[in-house]
Every structure is written in C-alpha cells, then in structure tokens.
C-alpha cells in the first residue's frame, strides 16, 4: 500500500507539496462516510505510482486547508506537479476513471523531466 504521510498543520501541507516534483493530497472530513470508504480504494492506485508523494489531511485538524485550496467538500483528491495543482477530484470519485486519470497524470509528470 502507499504510505500516506499525515499532515497535521497548514505549514506541514505547504512543506509537503511545495518544491516536490509530484505529490498527491487526500483531504477528508471527520465523520465523512464517503471519505472513509474511498480512501482504501485509492491507496493501491497510488501505491502503484510512487512518483506521487502521498499525503493525507483532515479538515477537522487543519481547517485552513479549505481556504488554502478552495476545498468546499470532502473528500478532495489533489494532485500537484512542481508545487502547482494539476488536477482535482471531489466527493464521489469513480475508481476506474480515477485510475486512468492517475496514469495520465503519471505520464505528464514523467514528461516534465
């Protein structure tokens, strides 16, 4: 499984994605059933793409994330390349299209070298 780093402050979130070639942040919310059921489905997808550094942040612990990234619903799945957001998925995320999108983003990140 992918190892998701727990991000517990807005500073940790910034340090996590800024200056990284490729990163992924999973934003969840306390008590969110969709968040809880989606997370174990995306873990193996990200595990097969180690080029994405993976992190997790909880809106309850780091409410500033909502303003920082304009996250208005959870879960939010954010992809970054060289510190810039390149893709996002929110709320209901069908796994098959998500898997294809991760493959596409992986190729994009590889082309940045």
PDB file of N, CA and C in Angstrom:
ATOM      1  N   UNK A   1       0.833  -1.193   0.000  1.00  0.00           N
ATOM      2  CA  UNK A   1       0.000   0.000   0.000  1.00  0.00           C
ATOM      3  C   UNK A   1       0.877   1.257   0.000  1.00  0.00           C
ATOM      4  N   UNK A   2       0.318   2.315  -0.527  1.00  0.00           N
ATOM      5  CA  UNK A   2       1.017   3.594  -0.499  1.00  0.00           C
ATOM      6  C   UNK A   2       1.123   4.056   0.944  1.00  0.00           C
ATOM      7  N   UNK A   3       2.211   4.695   1.250  1.00  0.00           N
ATOM      8  CA  UNK A   3       2.367   5.256   2.576  1.00  0.00           C
ATOM      9  C   UNK A   3       1.935   6.715   2.499  1.00  0.00           C
ATOM     10  N   UNK A   4       0.841   7.011   3.176  1.00  0.00           N
ATOM     11  CA  UNK A   4       0.340   8.375   3.197  1.00  0.00           C
ATOM     12  C   UNK A   4       0.876   9.073   4.432  1.00  0.00           C
ATOM     13  N   UNK A   5       1.542  10.191   4.220  1.00  0.00           N
ATOM     14  CA  UNK A   5       2.046  10.980   5.331  1.00  0.00           C
ATOM     15  C   UNK A   5       0.893  11.782   5.923  1.00  0.00           C
ATOM     16  N   UNK A   6       0.735  11.717   7.235  1.00  0.00           N
ATOM     17  CA  UNK A   6      -0.294  12.508   7.905  1.00  0.00           C
ATOM     18  C   UNK A   6       0.196  13.946   8.029  1.00  0.00           C
ATOM     19  N   UNK A   7      -0.602  14.871   7.537  1.00  0.00           N
ATOM     20  CA  UNK A   7      -0.257  16.291   7.553  1.00  0.00           C
ATOM     21  C   UNK A   7      -1.149  16.969   8.584  1.00  0.00           C
ATOM     22  N   UNK A   8      -0.556  17.510   9.633  1.00  0.00           N
ATOM     23  CA  UNK A   8      -1.334  17.978  10.774  1.00  0.00           C
ATOM     24  C   UNK A   8      -1.323  19.496  10.972  1.00  0.00           C
ATOM     25  N   UNK A   9      -0.765  20.228  10.022  1.00  0.00           N
ATOM     26  CA  UNK A   9      -0.803  21.692  10.087  1.00  0.00           C
ATOM     27  C   UNK A   9      -0.721  22.234   8.666  1.00  0.00           C
ATOM     28  N   UNK A  10      -1.138  23.472   8.494  1.00  0.00           N
ATOM     29  CA  UNK A  10      -1.080  24.075   7.165  1.00  0.00           C
ATOM     30  C   UNK A  10       0.379  24.204   6.713  1.00  0.00           C
ATOM     31  N   UNK A  11       1.285  24.435   7.653  1.00  0.00           N
ATOM     32  CA  UNK A  11       2.706  24.513   7.311  1.00  0.00           C
ATOM     33  C   UNK A  11       3.211  23.162   6.809  1.00  0.00           C
ATOM     34  N   UNK A  12       2.767  22.081   7.447  1.00  0.00           N
ATOM     35  CA  UNK A  12       3.165  20.739   7.007  1.00  0.00           C
ATOM     36  C   UNK A  12       2.632  20.450   5.607  1.00  0.00           C
ATOM     37  N   UNK A  13       1.416  20.923   5.329  1.00  0.00           N
ATOM     38  CA  UNK A  13       0.839  20.732   3.998  1.00  0.00           C
ATOM     39  C   UNK A  13       1.672  21.476   2.963  1.00  0.00           C
ATOM     40  N   UNK A  14       1.997  22.730   3.251  1.00  0.00           N
ATOM     41  CA  UNK A  14       2.808  23.517   2.305  1.00  0.00           C
ATOM     42  C   UNK A  14       4.172  22.883   2.080  1.00  0.00           C
ATOM     43  N   UNK A  15       4.817  22.481   3.161  1.00  0.00           N
ATOM     44  CA  UNK A  15       6.133  21.835   3.043  1.00  0.00           C
ATOM     45  C   UNK A  15       6.042  20.549   2.242  1.00  0.00           C
ATOM     46  N   UNK A  16       4.897  19.870   2.343  1.00  0.00           N
ATOM     47  CA  UNK A  16       4.712  18.585   1.684  1.00  0.00           C
ATOM     48  C   UNK A  16       4.699  18.698   0.163  1.00  0.00           C
ATOM     49  N   UNK A  17       3.951  19.675  -0.369  1.00  0.00           N
ATOM     50  CA  UNK A  17       3.783  19.723  -1.827  1.00  0.00           C
ATOM     51  C   UNK A  17       4.660  20.759  -2.528  1.00  0.00           C
ATOM     52  N   UNK A  18       5.043  21.813  -1.840  1.00  0.00           N
ATOM     53  CA  UNK A  18       5.866  22.835  -2.488  1.00  0.00           C
ATOM     54  C   UNK A  18       7.269  22.305  -2.735  1.00  0.00           C
ATOM     55  N   UNK A  19       7.747  22.493  -3.914  1.00  0.00           N
ATOM     56  CA  UNK A  19       9.091  22.060  -4.262  1.00  0.00           C
ATOM     57  C   UNK A  19       9.210  20.587  -4.602  1.00  0.00           C
ATOM     58  N   UNK A  20       8.111  19.857  -4.559  1.00  0.00           N
ATOM     59  CA  UNK A  20       8.128  18.439  -4.917  1.00  0.00           C
ATOM     60  C   UNK A  20       7.823  18.295  -6.399  1.00  0.00           C
ATOM     61  N   UNK A  21       8.427  17.311  -7.021  1.00  0.00           N
ATOM     62  CA  UNK A  21       8.153  17.049  -8.432  1.00  0.00           C
ATOM     63  C   UNK A  21       6.699  16.647  -8.625  1.00  0.00           C
ATOM     64  N   UNK A  22       6.208  15.725  -7.795  1.00  0.00           N
ATOM     65  CA  UNK A  22       4.828  15.265  -7.919  1.00  0.00           C
ATOM     66  C   UNK A  22       4.310  14.849  -6.548  1.00  0.00           C
ATOM     67  N   UNK A  23       3.113  15.305  -6.212  1.00  0.00           N
ATOM     68  CA  UNK A  23       2.526  14.933  -4.930  1.00  0.00           C
ATOM     69  C   UNK A  23       1.017  14.830  -5.045  1.00  0.00           C
ATOM     70  N   UNK A  24       0.442  14.127  -4.087  1.00  0.00           N
ATOM     71  CA  UNK A  24      -0.990  13.878  -4.029  1.00  0.00           C
ATOM     72  C   UNK A  24      -1.431  14.085  -2.585  1.00  0.00           C
ATOM     73  N   UNK A  25      -2.512  14.839  -2.395  1.00  0.00           N
ATOM     74  CA  UNK A  25      -3.050  15.053  -1.054  1.00  0.00           C
ATOM     75  C   UNK A  25      -4.512  14.630  -1.037  1.00  0.00           C
ATOM     76  N   UNK A  26      -4.829  13.771  -0.074  1.00  0.00           N
ATOM     77  CA  UNK A  26      -6.192  13.308   0.157  1.00  0.00           C
ATOM     78  C   UNK A  26      -6.745  14.115   1.317  1.00  0.00           C
ATOM     79  N   UNK A  27      -7.778  14.916   1.054  1.00  0.00           N
ATOM     80  CA  UNK A  27      -8.398  15.752   2.079  1.00  0.00           C
ATOM     81  C   UNK A  27      -9.701  15.085   2.505  1.00  0.00           C
ATOM     82  N   UNK A  28      -9.798  14.776   3.792  1.00  0.00           N
ATOM     83  CA  UNK A  28     -11.012  14.143   4.315  1.00  0.00           C
ATOM     84  C   UNK A  28     -11.617  15.031   5.395  1.00  0.00           C
ATOM     85  N   UNK A  29     -12.795  14.632   5.832  1.00  0.00           N
ATOM     86  CA  UNK A  29     -13.506  15.368   6.865  1.00  0.00           C
ATOM     87  C   UNK A  29     -13.978  14.383   7.931  1.00  0.00           C
ATOM     88  N   UNK A  30     -13.972  14.794   9.196  1.00  0.00           N
ATOM     89  CA  UNK A  30     -14.421  13.889  10.255  1.00  0.00           C
ATOM     90  C   UNK A  30     -15.879  13.463  10.029  1.00  0.00           C
ATOM     91  N   UNK A  31     -16.140  12.191  10.215  1.00  0.00           N
ATOM     92  CA  UNK A  31     -17.497  11.675  10.077  1.00  0.00           C
ATOM     93  C   UNK A  31     -17.983  11.534   8.650  1.00  0.00           C
ATOM     94  N   UNK A  32     -17.107  11.688   7.682  1.00  0.00           N
ATOM     95  CA  UNK A  32     -17.491  11.596   6.268  1.00  0.00           C
ATOM     96  C   UNK A  32     -17.425  10.142   5.823  1.00  0.00           C
ATOM     97  N   UNK A  33     -18.578   9.557   5.555  1.00  0.00           N
ATOM     98  CA  UNK A  33     -18.644   8.168   5.115  1.00  0.00           C
ATOM     99  C   UNK A  33     -17.990   7.941   3.779  1.00  0.00           C
ATOM    100  N   UNK A  34     -18.181   8.866   2.850  1.00  0.00           N
ATOM    101  CA  UNK A  34     -17.559   8.749   1.529  1.00  0.00           C
ATOM    102  C   UNK A  34     -16.038   8.782   1.680  1.00  0.00           C
ATOM    103  N   UNK A  35     -15.534   9.671   2.535  1.00  0.00           N
ATOM    104  CA  UNK A  35     -14.088   9.774   2.764  1.00  0.00           C
ATOM    105  C   UNK A  35     -13.527   8.444   3.268  1.00  0.00           C
ATOM    106  N   UNK A  36     -14.216   7.864   4.239  1.00  0.00           N
ATOM    107  CA  UNK A  36     -13.755   6.616   4.846  1.00  0.00           C
ATOM    108  C   UNK A  36     -13.797   5.453   3.864  1.00  0.00           C
ATOM    109  N   UNK A  37     -14.810   5.403   3.003  1.00  0.00           N
ATOM    110  CA  UNK A  37     -14.915   4.274   2.075  1.00  0.00           C
ATOM    111  C   UNK A  37     -14.029   4.451   0.837  1.00  0.00           C
ATOM    112  N   UNK A  38     -13.746   5.673   0.436  1.00  0.00           N
ATOM    113  CA  UNK A  38     -12.935   5.911  -0.750  1.00  0.00           C
ATOM    114  C   UNK A  38     -11.448   5.708  -0.485  1.00  0.00           C
ATOM    115  N   UNK A  39     -10.986   6.105   0.682  1.00  0.00           N
ATOM    116  CA  UNK A  39      -9.557   6.066   0.981  1.00  0.00           C
ATOM    117  C   UNK A  39      -8.928   4.691   0.733  1.00  0.00           C
ATOM    118  N   UNK A  40      -9.494   3.584   1.239  1.00  0.00           N
ATOM    119  CA  UNK A  40      -8.859   2.283   0.978  1.00  0.00           C
ATOM    120  C   UNK A  40      -8.892   1.864  -0.490  1.00  0.00           C
ATOM    121  N   UNK A  41      -9.755   2.462  -1.283  1.00  0.00           N
ATOM    122  CA  UNK A  41      -9.801   2.152  -2.716  1.00  0.00           C
ATOM    123  C   UNK A  41      -8.710   2.878  -3.497  1.00  0.00           C
ATOM    124  N   UNK A  42      -8.332   4.075  -3.029  1.00  0.00           N
ATOM    125  CA  UNK A  42      -7.305   4.822  -3.757  1.00  0.00           C
ATOM    126  C   UNK A  42      -5.893   4.459  -3.313  1.00  0.00           C
ATOM    127  N   UNK A  43      -5.751   3.901  -2.119  1.00  0.00           N
ATOM    128  CA  UNK A  43      -4.415   3.531  -1.629  1.00  0.00           C
ATOM    129  C   UNK A  43      -3.649   2.641  -2.607  1.00  0.00           C
ATOM    130  N   UNK A  44      -4.236   1.545  -3.107  1.00  0.00           N
ATOM    131  CA  UNK A  44      -3.461   0.703  -4.025  1.00  0.00           C
ATOM    132  C   UNK A  44      -3.155   1.382  -5.360  1.00  0.00           C
ATOM    133  N   UNK A  45      -4.004   2.300  -5.777  1.00  0.00           N
ATOM    134  CA  UNK A  45      -3.754   3.030  -7.024  1.00  0.00           C
ATOM    135  C   UNK A  45      -2.512   3.891  -6.865  1.00  0.00           C
ATOM    136  N   UNK A  46      -2.438   4.624  -5.760  1.00  0.00           N
ATOM    137  CA  UNK A  46      -1.265   5.474  -5.524  1.00  0.00           C
ATOM    138  C   UNK A  46      -0.034   4.644  -5.208  1.00  0.00           C
ATOM    139  N   UNK A  47      -0.217   3.460  -4.629  1.00  0.00           N
ATOM    140  CA  UNK A  47       0.923   2.581  -4.344  1.00  0.00           C
ATOM    141  C   UNK A  47       1.620   2.163  -5.633  1.00  0.00           C
ATOM    142  N   UNK A  48       0.851   2.046  -6.705  1.00  0.00           N
ATOM    143  CA  UNK A  48       1.453   1.658  -7.978  1.00  0.00           C
ATOM    144  C   UNK A  48       2.049   2.854  -8.721  1.00  0.00           C
ATOM    145  N   UNK A  49       1.992   4.027  -8.113  1.00  0.00           N
ATOM    146  CA  UNK A  49       2.566   5.245  -8.705  1.00  0.00           C
ATOM    147  C   UNK A  49       3.413   5.965  -7.662  1.00  0.00           C
ATOM    148  N   UNK A  50       4.573   5.400  -7.343  1.00  0.00           N
ATOM    149  CA  UNK A  50       5.417   6.000  -6.310  1.00  0.00           C
ATOM    150  C   UNK A  50       5.991   7.360  -6.686  1.00  0.00           C
ATOM    151  N   UNK A  51       5.833   7.759  -7.949  1.00  0.00           N
ATOM    152  CA  UNK A  51       6.296   9.092  -8.331  1.00  0.00           C
ATOM    153  C   UNK A  51       5.499  10.187  -7.621  1.00  0.00           C
ATOM    154  N   UNK A  52       4.296   9.829  -7.151  1.00  0.00           N
ATOM    155  CA  UNK A  52       3.481  10.777  -6.386  1.00  0.00           C
ATOM    156  C   UNK A  52       3.731  10.568  -4.897  1.00  0.00           C
ATOM    157  N   UNK A  53       4.269  11.566  -4.252  1.00  0.00           N
ATOM    158  CA  UNK A  53       4.392  11.556  -2.800  1.00  0.00           C
ATOM    159  C   UNK A  53       2.980  11.735  -2.263  1.00  0.00           C
ATOM    160  N   UNK A  54       2.524  10.839  -1.384  1.00  0.00           N
ATOM    161  CA  UNK A  54       1.131  10.840  -0.945  1.00  0.00           C
ATOM    162  C   UNK A  54       0.970  11.341   0.481  1.00  0.00           C
ATOM    163  N   UNK A  55      -0.009  12.228   0.662  1.00  0.00           N
ATOM    164  CA  UNK A  55      -0.289  12.767   1.986  1.00  0.00           C
ATOM    165  C   UNK A  55      -1.778  12.784   2.269  1.00  0.00           C
ATOM    166  N   UNK A  56      -2.104  12.853   3.553  1.00  0.00           N
ATOM    167  CA  UNK A  56      -3.492  12.911   3.994  1.00  0.00           C
ATOM    168  C   UNK A  56      -3.645  14.046   4.989  1.00  0.00           C
ATOM    169  N   UNK A  57      -4.703  14.817   4.831  1.00  0.00           N
ATOM    170  CA  UNK A  57      -5.005  15.899   5.775  1.00  0.00           C
ATOM    171  C   UNK A  57      -6.490  15.844   6.113  1.00  0.00           C
ATOM    172  N   UNK A  58      -6.792  16.063   7.387  1.00  0.00           N
ATOM    173  CA  UNK A  58      -8.161  16.051   7.882  1.00  0.00           C
ATOM    174  C   UNK A  58      -8.629  17.493   8.083  1.00  0.00           C
ATOM    175  N   UNK A  59      -9.755  17.829   7.463  1.00  0.00           N
ATOM    176  CA  UNK A  59     -10.292  19.203   7.584  1.00  0.00           C
ATOM    177  C   UNK A  59     -10.573  19.584   9.031  1.00  0.00           C
ATOM    178  N   UNK A  60     -10.908  18.595   9.865  1.00  0.00           N
ATOM    179  CA  UNK A  60     -11.166  18.881  11.272  1.00  0.00           C
ATOM    180  C   UNK A  60      -9.914  19.311  12.010  1.00  0.00           C
ATOM    181  N   UNK A  61      -8.769  18.774  11.628  1.00  0.00           N
ATOM    182  CA  UNK A  61      -7.497  19.097  12.274  1.00  0.00           C
ATOM    183  C   UNK A  61      -6.824  20.322  11.661  1.00  0.00           C
ATOM    184  N   UNK A  62      -7.032  20.510  10.355  1.00  0.00           N
ATOM    185  CA  UNK A  62      -6.387  21.614   9.627  1.00  0.00           C
ATOM    186  C   UNK A  62      -7.458  22.353   8.818  1.00  0.00           C
ATOM    187  N   UNK A  63      -8.314  23.126   9.491  1.00  0.00           N
ATOM    188  CA  UNK A  63      -9.398  23.808   8.764  1.00  0.00           C
ATOM    189  C   UNK A  63      -8.906  24.827   7.746  1.00  0.00           C
ATOM    190  N   UNK A  64      -7.676  25.311   7.911  1.00  0.00           N
ATOM    191  CA  UNK A  64      -7.118  26.287   6.970  1.00  0.00           C
ATOM    192  C   UNK A  64      -6.976  25.718   5.560  1.00  0.00           C
ATOM    193  N   UNK A  65      -6.971  24.405   5.456  1.00  0.00           N
ATOM    194  CA  UNK A  65      -6.826  23.765   4.138  1.00  0.00           C
ATOM    195  C   UNK A  65      -7.976  24.170   3.220  1.00  0.00           C
ATOM    196  N   UNK A  66      -9.153  24.398   3.793  1.00  0.00           N
ATOM    197  CA  UNK A  66     -10.320  24.784   2.991  1.00  0.00           C
ATOM    198  C   UNK A  66     -10.058  26.092   2.255  1.00  0.00           C
ATOM    199  N   UNK A  67      -9.526  27.082   2.947  1.00  0.00           N
ATOM    200  CA  UNK A  67      -9.236  28.364   2.317  1.00  0.00           C
ATOM    201  C   UNK A  67      -8.023  28.322   1.414  1.00  0.00           C
ATOM    202  N   UNK A  68      -7.017  27.571   1.825  1.00  0.00           N
ATOM    203  CA  UNK A  68      -5.763  27.479   1.060  1.00  0.00           C
ATOM    204  C   UNK A  68      -5.986  26.891  -0.334  1.00  0.00           C
ATOM    205  N   UNK A  69      -6.873  25.872  -0.424  1.00  0.00           N
ATOM    206  CA  UNK A  69      -7.074  25.172  -1.691  1.00  0.00           C
ATOM    207  C   UNK A  69      -8.509  25.240  -2.206  1.00  0.00           C
ATOM    208  N   UNK A  70      -9.324  26.109  -1.635  1.00  0.00           N
ATOM    209  CA  UNK A  70     -10.738  26.226  -2.034  1.00  0.00           C
ATOM    210  C   UNK A  70     -11.428  24.866  -2.020  1.00  0.00           C
ATOM    211  N   UNK A  71     -11.270  24.161  -0.917  1.00  0.00           N
ATOM    212  CA  UNK A  71     -11.920  22.863  -0.725  1.00  0.00           C
ATOM    213  C   UNK A  71     -13.236  23.113  -0.003  1.00  0.00           C
ATOM    214  N   UNK A  72     -14.338  22.869  -0.691  1.00  0.00           N
ATOM    215  CA  UNK A  72     -15.658  23.122  -0.132  1.00  0.00           C
ATOM    216  C   UNK A  72     -16.421  21.857   0.202  1.00  0.00           C
ATOM    217  N   UNK A  73     -15.882  20.710  -0.180  1.00  0.00           N
ATOM    218  CA  UNK A  73     -16.499  19.433   0.117  1.00  0.00           C
ATOM    219  C   UNK A  73     -15.406  18.383   0.266  1.00  0.00           C
ATOM    220  N   UNK A  74     -15.741  17.311   0.935  1.00  0.00           N
ATOM    221  CA  UNK A  74     -14.770  16.226   1.118  1.00  0.00           C
ATOM    222  C   UNK A  74     -15.412  14.919   0.668  1.00  0.00           C
ATOM    223  N   UNK A  75     -14.594  13.996   0.209  1.00  0.00           N
ATOM    224  CA  UNK A  75     -13.156  14.097   0.071  1.00  0.00           C
ATOM    225  C   UNK A  75     -12.759  14.939  -1.135  1.00  0.00           C
ATOM    226  N   UNK A  76     -11.558  15.478  -1.046  1.00  0.00           N
ATOM    227  CA  UNK A  76     -10.941  16.180  -2.174  1.00  0.00           C
ATOM    228  C   UNK A  76      -9.606  15.510  -2.435  1.00  0.00           C
ATOM    229  N   UNK A  77      -9.356  15.176  -3.681  1.00  0.00           N
ATOM    230  CA  UNK A  77      -8.133  14.490  -4.095  1.00  0.00           C
ATOM    231  C   UNK A  77      -7.361  15.459  -4.978  1.00  0.00           C
ATOM    232  N   UNK A  78      -6.234  15.933  -4.477  1.00  0.00           N
ATOM    233  CA  UNK A  78      -5.479  16.994  -5.132  1.00  0.00           C
ATOM    234  C   UNK A  78      -4.130  16.488  -5.627  1.00  0.00           C
ATOM    235  N   UNK A  79      -3.846  16.726  -6.889  1.00  0.00           N
ATOM    236  CA  UNK A  79      -2.568  16.357  -7.488  1.00  0.00           C
ATOM    237  C   UNK A  79      -1.766  17.622  -7.777  1.00  0.00           C
ATOM    238  N   UNK A  80      -0.460  17.561  -7.496  1.00  0.00           N
ATOM    239  CA  UNK A  80       0.433  18.688  -7.720  1.00  0.00           C
ATOM    240  C   UNK A  80       1.657  18.240  -8.504  1.00  0.00           C
ATOM    241  N   UNK A  81       2.158  19.123  -9.351  1.00  0.00           N
ATOM    242  CA  UNK A  81       3.433  18.920 -10.038  1.00  0.00           C
ATOM    243  C   UNK A  81       4.230  20.204  -9.872  1.00  0.00           C
ATOM    244  N   UNK A  82       5.437  20.063  -9.376  1.00  0.00           N
ATOM    245  CA  UNK A  82       6.304  21.223  -9.141  1.00  0.00           C
ATOM    246  C   UNK A  82       5.602  22.331  -8.362  1.00  0.00           C
ATOM    247  N   UNK A  83       4.823  21.935  -7.350  1.00  0.00           N
ATOM    248  CA  UNK A  83       4.165  22.897  -6.467  1.00  0.00           C
ATOM    249  C   UNK A  83       2.898  23.528  -7.011  1.00  0.00           C
ATOM    250  N   UNK A  84       2.441  23.103  -8.181  1.00  0.00           N
ATOM    251  CA  UNK A  84       1.221  23.651  -8.788  1.00  0.00           C
ATOM    252  C   UNK A  84       0.159  22.569  -8.872  1.00  0.00           C
ATOM    253  N   UNK A  85      -1.071  22.929  -8.535  1.00  0.00           N
ATOM    254  CA  UNK A  85      -2.161  21.963  -8.663  1.00  0.00           C
ATOM    255  C   UNK A  85      -2.409  21.671 -10.140  1.00  0.00           C
ATOM    256  N   UNK A  86      -2.438  20.377 -10.476  1.00  0.00           N
ATOM    257  CA  UNK A  86      -2.652  19.986 -11.870  1.00  0.00           C
ATOM    258  C   UNK A  86      -3.967  19.240 -12.082  1.00  0.00           C
ATOM    259  N   UNK A  87      -4.555  18.743 -10.995  1.00  0.00           N
ATOM    260  CA  UNK A  87      -5.830  18.026 -11.128  1.00  0.00           C
ATOM    261  C   UNK A  87      -6.460  17.878  -9.758  1.00  0.00           C
ATOM    262  N   UNK A  88      -7.806  17.833  -9.756  1.00  0.00           N
ATOM    263  CA  UNK A  88      -8.534  17.566  -8.519  1.00  0.00           C
ATOM    264  C   UNK A  88      -9.791  16.775  -8.817  1.00  0.00           C
ATOM    265  N   UNK A  89     -10.141  15.944  -7.874  1.00  0.00           N
ATOM    266  CA  UNK A  89     -11.394  15.187  -7.880  1.00  0.00           C
ATOM    267  C   UNK A  89     -12.050  15.459  -6.532  1.00  0.00           C
ATOM    268  N   UNK A  90     -13.373  15.524  -6.513  1.00  0.00           N
ATOM    269  CA  UNK A  90     -14.067  15.761  -5.248  1.00  0.00           C
ATOM    270  C   UNK A  90     -15.292  14.866  -5.115  1.00  0.00           C
ATOM    271  N   UNK A  91     -15.634  14.638  -3.863  1.00  0.00           N
ATOM    272  CA  UNK A  91     -16.815  13.902  -3.407  1.00  0.00           C
ATOM    273  C   UNK A  91     -16.907  12.483  -3.953  1.00  0.00           C
ATOM    274  N   UNK A  92     -17.724  12.231  -4.930  1.00  0.00           N
ATOM    275  CA  UNK A  92     -17.901  10.888  -5.478  1.00  0.00           C
ATOM    276  C   UNK A  92     -16.876  10.700  -6.603  1.00  0.00           C
ATOM    277  N   UNK A  93     -15.972   9.744  -6.425  1.00  0.00           N
ATOM    278  CA  UNK A  93     -14.894   9.532  -7.389  1.00  0.00           C
ATOM    279  C   UNK A  93     -14.974   8.097  -7.906  1.00  0.00           C
ATOM    280  N   UNK A  94     -15.456   7.902  -9.131  1.00  0.00           N
ATOM    281  CA  UNK A  94     -15.480   6.550  -9.709  1.00  0.00           C
ATOM    282  C   UNK A  94     -14.047   6.038  -9.877  1.00  0.00           C
ATOM    283  N   UNK A  95     -13.801   4.824  -9.410  1.00  0.00           N
ATOM    284  CA  UNK A  95     -12.446   4.296  -9.345  1.00  0.00           C
ATOM    285  C   UNK A  95     -11.817   4.058 -10.721  1.00  0.00           C
ATOM    286  N   UNK A  96     -12.537   3.481 -11.654  1.00  0.00           N
ATOM    287  CA  UNK A  96     -11.937   3.181 -12.963  1.00  0.00           C
ATOM    288  C   UNK A  96     -11.485   4.453 -13.686  1.00  0.00           C
ATOM    289  N   UNK A  97     -12.346   5.476 -13.806  1.00  0.00           N
ATOM    290  CA  UNK A  97     -11.866   6.720 -14.434  1.00  0.00           C
ATOM    291  C   UNK A  97     -10.732   7.386 -13.641  1.00  0.00           C
ATOM    292  N   UNK A  98     -10.786   7.275 -12.308  1.00  0.00           N
ATOM    293  CA  UNK A  98      -9.723   7.842 -11.482  1.00  0.00           C
ATOM    294  C   UNK A  98      -8.392   7.149 -11.774  1.00  0.00           C
ATOM    295  N   UNK A  99      -8.420   5.839 -11.891  1.00  0.00           N
ATOM    296  CA  UNK A  99      -7.213   5.077 -12.202  1.00  0.00           C
ATOM    297  C   UNK A  99      -6.618   5.523 -13.532  1.00  0.00           C
ATOM    298  N   UNK A 100      -7.463   5.705 -14.526  1.00  0.00           N
ATOM    299  CA  UNK A 100      -6.991   6.164 -15.835  1.00  0.00           C
ATOM    300  C   UNK A 100      -6.406   7.576 -15.745  1.00  0.00           C
ATOM    301  N   UNK A 101      -7.033   8.419 -14.941  1.00  0.00           N
ATOM    302  CA  UNK A 101      -6.540   9.792 -14.775  1.00  0.00           C
ATOM    303  C   UNK A 101      -5.174   9.789 -14.091  1.00  0.00           C
ATOM    304  N   UNK A 102      -4.974   8.917 -13.113  1.00  0.00           N
ATOM    305  CA  UNK A 102      -3.676   8.833 -12.446  1.00  0.00           C
ATOM    306  C   UNK A 102      -2.607   8.389 -13.437  1.00  0.00           C
ATOM    307  N   UNK A 103      -2.940   7.445 -14.311  1.00  0.00           N
ATOM    308  CA  UNK A 103      -1.997   7.012 -15.360  1.00  0.00           C
ATOM    309  C   UNK A 103      -1.621   8.194 -16.253  1.00  0.00           C
ATOM    310  N   UNK A 104      -2.617   8.965 -16.644  1.00  0.00           N
ATOM    311  CA  UNK A 104      -2.382  10.128 -17.487  1.00  0.00           C
ATOM    312  C   UNK A 104      -1.501  11.156 -16.775  1.00  0.00           C
ATOM    313  N   UNK A 105      -1.806  11.418 -15.508  1.00  0.00           N
ATOM    314  CA  UNK A 105      -1.013  12.380 -14.745  1.00  0.00           C
ATOM    315  C   UNK A 105       0.414  11.882 -14.546  1.00  0.00           C
ATOM    316  N   UNK A 106       0.555  10.580 -14.396  1.00  0.00           N
ATOM    317  CA  UNK A 106       1.882   9.987 -14.258  1.00  0.00           C
ATOM    318  C   UNK A 106       2.717  10.251 -15.502  1.00  0.00           C
ATOM    319  N   UNK A 107       2.118  10.073 -16.667  1.00  0.00           N
ATOM    320  CA  UNK A 107       2.822  10.360 -17.937  1.00  0.00           C
ATOM    321  C   UNK A 107       3.172  11.845 -18.023  1.00  0.00           C
ATOM    322  N   UNK A 108       2.263  12.703 -17.598  1.00  0.00           N
ATOM    323  CA  UNK A 108       2.512  14.132 -17.617  1.00  0.00           C
ATOM    324  C   UNK A 108       3.712  14.470 -16.728  1.00  0.00           C
ATOM    325  N   UNK A 109       3.745  13.935 -15.526  1.00  0.00           N
ATOM    326  CA  UNK A 109       4.843  14.196 -14.604  1.00  0.00           C
ATOM    327  C   UNK A 109       6.161  13.689 -15.200  1.00  0.00           C
ATOM    328  N   UNK A 110       6.135  12.525 -15.812  1.00  0.00           N
ATOM    329  CA  UNK A 110       7.345  11.970 -16.429  1.00  0.00           C
ATOM    330  C   UNK A 110       7.857  12.870 -17.550  1.00  0.00           C
ATOM    331  N   UNK A 111       6.939  13.512 -18.260  1.00  0.00           N
ATOM    332  CA  UNK A 111       7.338  14.384 -19.375  1.00  0.00           C
ATOM    333  C   UNK A 111       7.960  15.697 -18.889  1.00  0.00           C
ATOM    334  N   UNK A 112       7.802  16.004 -17.616  1.00  0.00           N
ATOM    335  CA  UNK A 112       8.364  17.249 -17.072  1.00  0.00           C
ATOM    336  C   UNK A 112       9.860  17.156 -16.811  1.00  0.00           C
ATOM    337  N   UNK A 113      10.395  15.939 -16.839  1.00  0.00           N
ATOM    338  CA  UNK A 113      11.845  15.752 -16.587  1.00  0.00           C
ATOM    339  C   UNK A 113      12.687  16.312 -17.711  1.00  0.00           C
TER     340      UNK A 113
END
